[in-house]
Amino acid sequence: MYRSLFPRDVLAEMDRLQRDLQQALDPSPTIRGFARHGYPALNVGGTPKTIEIYAFAPGLDPATLEVNLERGLLTIAGERKSPLPDKSDKSDKATVHINERFEGRFRRVVTLPDDADPDQVSAKLHDGVLHITIQRRISAQPRRIQIQ
């Protein structure tokens, strides 16, 4: 009886193909971010005093990242290089069987609310997480009004 070195379940393969096709055609968010143009994955939230943005970009050099804020748009851009051997290099005998890691240039744009203060922005990269904090304008922050 013939036995494959790589046994496959036909139903599991069909399920994988269906998921791949849905991900390619459906721009809705998934656990990995958006199906297209979803790198780096973002979490955006805030407090009454700040807007907090987390970009998950493990393995990136801070020198390759660029964060800009202009006219209410926050842009995170950069480039992620592959640690794998270059395909054009024929002298190396290494073979890549699976490469699921994103490589290349990326750009994410976030529209900020009107109360974001462009003069009060900080960005820190730690353990592959870029944390951007934008202060809200003092005039827009909630405050208690004394009743006389």
C-alpha atoms as a PDB file:
ATOM      1  CA  MET A   1       0.000   0.000   0.000  1.00  0.00           C
ATOM      2  CA  TYR A   2       1.298   3.479  -0.888  1.00  0.00           C
ATOM      3  CA  ARG A   3       2.020   5.778   2.054  1.00  0.00           C
ATOM      4  CA  SER A   4       2.919   9.442   1.695  1.00  0.00           C
ATOM      5  CA  LEU A   5       5.799  10.943   3.654  1.00  0.00           C
ATOM      6  CA  PHE A   6       3.593  13.977   4.278  1.00  0.00           C
ATOM      7  CA  PRO A   7       0.121  12.667   5.163  1.00  0.00           C
ATOM      8  CA  ARG A   8      -2.660  15.146   4.473  1.00  0.00           C
ATOM      9  CA  ASP A   9      -6.253  15.296   5.453  1.00  0.00           C
ATOM     10  CA  VAL A  10      -8.227  16.340   2.371  1.00  0.00           C
ATOM     11  CA  LEU A  11     -10.943  18.060   4.419  1.00  0.00           C
ATOM     12  CA  ALA A  12      -8.358  20.004   6.429  1.00  0.00           C
ATOM     13  CA  GLU A  13      -6.686  21.130   3.201  1.00  0.00           C
ATOM     14  CA  MET A  14     -10.026  22.276   1.771  1.00  0.00           C
ATOM     15  CA  ASP A  15     -10.737  24.182   5.004  1.00  0.00           C
ATOM     16  CA  ARG A  16      -7.323  25.878   4.809  1.00  0.00           C
ATOM     17  CA  LEU A  17      -7.891  26.839   1.164  1.00  0.00           C
ATOM     18  CA  GLN A  18     -11.310  28.284   2.017  1.00  0.00           C
ATOM     19  CA  ARG A  19      -9.824  30.358   4.869  1.00  0.00           C
ATOM     20  CA  ASP A  20      -7.038  31.630   2.600  1.00  0.00           C
ATOM     21  CA  LEU A  21      -9.561  32.622  -0.076  1.00  0.00           C
ATOM     22  CA  GLN A  22     -11.815  34.371   2.442  1.00  0.00           C
ATOM     23  CA  GLN A  23      -8.871  36.253   3.914  1.00  0.00           C
ATOM     24  CA  ALA A  24      -7.771  37.400   0.452  1.00  0.00           C
ATOM     25  CA  LEU A  25     -11.237  38.672  -0.483  1.00  0.00           C
ATOM     26  CA  ASP A  26     -12.554  39.906   2.883  1.00  0.00           C
ATOM     27  CA  PRO A  27     -11.020  43.154   4.217  1.00  0.00           C
ATOM     28  CA  SER A  28     -12.580  42.713   7.682  1.00  0.00           C
ATOM     29  CA  PRO A  29     -10.269  42.475  10.703  1.00  0.00           C
ATOM     30  CA  THR A  30      -8.970  39.141  11.982  1.00  0.00           C
ATOM     31  CA  ILE A  31      -6.737  38.164  14.870  1.00  0.00           C
ATOM     32  CA  ARG A  32      -3.731  39.091  12.686  1.00  0.00           C
ATOM     33  CA  GLY A  33      -5.148  42.507  11.747  1.00  0.00           C
ATOM     34  CA  PHE A  34      -6.639  43.366   8.392  1.00  0.00           C
ATOM     35  CA  ALA A  35      -6.242  40.853   5.607  1.00  0.00           C
ATOM     36  CA  ARG A  36      -4.577  43.448   3.406  1.00  0.00           C
ATOM     37  CA  HIS A  37      -2.182  46.185   4.450  1.00  0.00           C
ATOM     38  CA  GLY A  38      -2.452  45.120   8.074  1.00  0.00           C
ATOM     39  CA  TYR A  39       1.146  45.341   9.173  1.00  0.00           C
ATOM     40  CA  PRO A  40       1.919  46.277  11.838  1.00  0.00           C
ATOM     41  CA  ALA A  41      -1.167  45.248  13.791  1.00  0.00           C
ATOM     42  CA  LEU A  42      -2.574  48.192  15.764  1.00  0.00           C
ATOM     43  CA  ASN A  43      -4.484  48.711  18.982  1.00  0.00           C
ATOM     44  CA  VAL A  44      -5.946  52.217  19.304  1.00  0.00           C
ATOM     45  CA  GLY A  45      -7.661  53.481  22.425  1.00  0.00           C
ATOM     46  CA  GLY A  46      -7.573  56.297  24.872  1.00  0.00           C
ATOM     47  CA  THR A  47      -8.252  57.876  28.199  1.00  0.00           C
ATOM     48  CA  PRO A  48      -9.866  61.240  28.932  1.00  0.00           C
ATOM     49  CA  LYS A  49      -6.365  62.794  28.786  1.00  0.00           C
ATOM     50  CA  THR A  50      -4.536  60.776  26.107  1.00  0.00           C
ATOM     51  CA  ILE A  51      -4.846  58.804  22.891  1.00  0.00           C
ATOM     52  CA  GLU A  52      -2.897  55.540  23.067  1.00  0.00           C
ATOM     53  CA  ILE A  53      -1.683  53.667  19.974  1.00  0.00           C
ATOM     54  CA  TYR A  54       0.168  50.360  20.099  1.00  0.00           C
ATOM     55  CA  ALA A  55       1.811  48.992  16.939  1.00  0.00           C
ATOM     56  CA  PHE A  56       3.020  45.395  17.192  1.00  0.00           C
ATOM     57  CA  ALA A  57       6.203  45.130  15.140  1.00  0.00           C
ATOM     58  CA  PRO A  58       8.600  42.525  16.563  1.00  0.00           C
ATOM     59  CA  GLY A  59      12.101  42.384  15.168  1.00  0.00           C
ATOM     60  CA  LEU A  60      12.132  45.913  13.747  1.00  0.00           C
ATOM     61  CA  ASP A  61      15.085  48.215  14.187  1.00  0.00           C
ATOM     62  CA  PRO A  62      13.947  51.614  15.562  1.00  0.00           C
ATOM     63  CA  ALA A  63      16.086  53.303  12.891  1.00  0.00           C
ATOM     64  CA  THR A  64      13.857  51.802  10.170  1.00  0.00           C
ATOM     65  CA  LEU A  65      10.651  53.230  11.677  1.00  0.00           C
ATOM     66  CA  GLU A  66       9.195  56.621  10.868  1.00  0.00           C
ATOM     67  CA  VAL A  67       6.305  58.190  12.805  1.00  0.00           C
ATOM     68  CA  ASN A  68       4.742  61.402  11.476  1.00  0.00           C
ATOM     69  CA  LEU A  69       1.784  63.509  12.592  1.00  0.00           C
ATOM     70  CA  GLU A  70       0.358  65.963  10.108  1.00  0.00           C
ATOM     71  CA  ARG A  71      -3.116  67.515   9.847  1.00  0.00           C
ATOM     72  CA  GLY A  72      -4.732  65.007  12.172  1.00  0.00           C
ATOM     73  CA  LEU A  73      -3.191  61.936  10.500  1.00  0.00           C
ATOM     74  CA  LEU A  74      -0.680  59.757  12.293  1.00  0.00           C
ATOM     75  CA  THR A  75       1.513  57.768   9.894  1.00  0.00           C
ATOM     76  CA  ILE A  76       3.660  54.799  10.892  1.00  0.00           C
ATOM     77  CA  ALA A  77       5.993  53.698   8.089  1.00  0.00           C
ATOM     78  CA  GLY A  78       9.121  51.645   7.704  1.00  0.00           C
ATOM     79  CA  GLU A  79      10.700  48.575   6.206  1.00  0.00           C
ATOM     80  CA  ARG A  80      11.097  45.049   7.479  1.00  0.00           C
ATOM     81  CA  LYS A  81      13.933  43.043   5.997  1.00  0.00           C
ATOM     82  CA  SER A  82      13.963  39.282   5.768  1.00  0.00           C
ATOM     83  CA  PRO A  83      16.519  37.346   7.821  1.00  0.00           C
ATOM     84  CA  LEU A  84      16.321  34.549   5.235  1.00  0.00           C
ATOM     85  CA  PRO A  85      18.889  34.087   2.450  1.00  0.00           C
ATOM     86  CA  ASP A  86      18.455  36.333  -0.576  1.00  0.00           C
ATOM     87  CA  LYS A  87      16.784  34.551  -3.490  1.00  0.00           C
ATOM     88  CA  SER A  88      19.252  36.040  -5.958  1.00  0.00           C
ATOM     89  CA  ASP A  89      22.241  34.637  -4.063  1.00  0.00           C
ATOM     90  CA  LYS A  90      23.028  31.355  -5.853  1.00  0.00           C
ATOM     91  CA  SER A  91      26.195  30.601  -3.853  1.00  0.00           C
ATOM     92  CA  ASP A  92      24.238  29.766  -0.690  1.00  0.00           C
ATOM     93  CA  LYS A  93      22.723  26.262  -0.633  1.00  0.00           C
ATOM     94  CA  ALA A  94      19.967  27.137   1.876  1.00  0.00           C
ATOM     95  CA  THR A  95      16.389  26.337   0.931  1.00  0.00           C
ATOM     96  CA  VAL A  96      13.329  28.048   2.380  1.00  0.00           C
ATOM     97  CA  HIS A  97      10.314  25.761   2.714  1.00  0.00           C
ATOM     98  CA  ILE A  98       7.842  28.095   4.434  1.00  0.00           C
ATOM     99  CA  ASN A  99       8.055  31.876   4.794  1.00  0.00           C
ATOM    100  CA  GLU A 100       4.976  33.378   6.492  1.00  0.00           C
ATOM    101  CA  ARG A 101       6.689  36.441   7.919  1.00  0.00           C
ATOM    102  CA  PHE A 102       5.905  39.767   6.260  1.00  0.00           C
ATOM    103  CA  GLU A 103       8.842  41.538   4.638  1.00  0.00           C
ATOM    104  CA  GLY A 104       9.032  44.788   2.720  1.00  0.00           C
ATOM    105  CA  ARG A 105       7.879  48.380   3.120  1.00  0.00           C
ATOM    106  CA  PHE A 106       4.774  49.148   5.160  1.00  0.00           C
ATOM    107  CA  ARG A 107       2.644  52.147   6.053  1.00  0.00           C
ATOM    108  CA  ARG A 108      -0.307  52.534   8.414  1.00  0.00           C
ATOM    109  CA  VAL A 109      -2.344  55.720   8.764  1.00  0.00           C
ATOM    110  CA  VAL A 110      -4.609  56.527  11.715  1.00  0.00           C
ATOM    111  CA  THR A 111      -7.047  59.446  11.692  1.00  0.00           C
ATOM    112  CA  LEU A 112      -6.905  61.222  15.035  1.00  0.00           C
ATOM    113  CA  PRO A 113      -9.778  63.028  16.768  1.00  0.00           C
ATOM    114  CA  ASP A 114      -9.912  66.828  16.651  1.00  0.00           C
ATOM    115  CA  ASP A 115      -8.855  67.171  20.297  1.00  0.00           C
ATOM    116  CA  ALA A 116      -5.412  65.560  19.704  1.00  0.00           C
ATOM    117  CA  ASP A 117      -2.569  67.942  20.548  1.00  0.00           C
ATOM    118  CA  PRO A 118       0.132  67.655  17.843  1.00  0.00           C
ATOM    119  CA  ASP A 119       2.687  69.302  20.146  1.00  0.00           C
ATOM    120  CA  GLN A 120       2.357  66.642  22.864  1.00  0.00           C
ATOM    121  CA  VAL A 121       3.352  63.336  21.214  1.00  0.00           C
ATOM    122  CA  SER A 122       5.760  60.662  22.452  1.00  0.00           C
ATOM    123  CA  ALA A 123       6.784  57.323  20.889  1.00  0.00           C
ATOM    124  CA  LYS A 124       8.700  54.443  22.489  1.00  0.00           C
ATOM    125  CA  LEU A 125       9.708  51.051  21.071  1.00  0.00           C
ATOM    126  CA  HIS A 126      10.105  48.279  23.641  1.00  0.00           C
ATOM    127  CA  ASP A 127      10.113  44.506  23.064  1.00  0.00           C
ATOM    128  CA  GLY A 128       8.682  44.875  19.561  1.00  0.00           C
ATOM    129  CA  VAL A 129       5.779  47.117  20.606  1.00  0.00           C
ATOM    130  CA  LEU A 130       5.731  50.738  19.432  1.00  0.00           C
ATOM    131  CA  HIS A 131       3.731  52.770  21.988  1.00  0.00           C
ATOM    132  CA  ILE A 132       2.601  56.218  20.839  1.00  0.00           C
ATOM    133  CA  THR A 133       0.946  58.573  23.333  1.00  0.00           C
ATOM    134  CA  ILE A 134      -0.796  61.730  22.146  1.00  0.00           C
ATOM    135  CA  GLN A 135      -2.099  64.166  24.740  1.00  0.00           C
ATOM    136  CA  ARG A 136      -5.557  65.616  24.304  1.00  0.00           C
ATOM    137  CA  ARG A 137      -5.898  69.408  24.391  1.00  0.00           C
ATOM    138  CA  ILE A 138      -6.570  70.755  27.846  1.00  0.00           C
ATOM    139  CA  SER A 139      -9.624  72.656  26.600  1.00  0.00           C
ATOM    140  CA  ALA A 140     -11.164  69.355  25.423  1.00  0.00           C
ATOM    141  CA  GLN A 141     -10.535  67.409  28.638  1.00  0.00           C
ATOM    142  CA  PRO A 142     -13.482  66.826  30.940  1.00  0.00           C
ATOM    143  CA  ARG A 143     -13.627  68.998  34.028  1.00  0.00           C
ATOM    144  CA  ARG A 144     -16.008  69.543  36.884  1.00  0.00           C
ATOM    145  CA  ILE A 145     -17.858  72.830  36.983  1.00  0.00           C
ATOM    146  CA  GLN A 146     -18.531  74.358  40.390  1.00  0.00           C
ATOM    147  CA  ILE A 147     -22.126  75.301  41.062  1.00  0.00           C
ATOM    148  CA  GLN A 148     -22.563  78.613  42.864  1.00  0.00           C
END
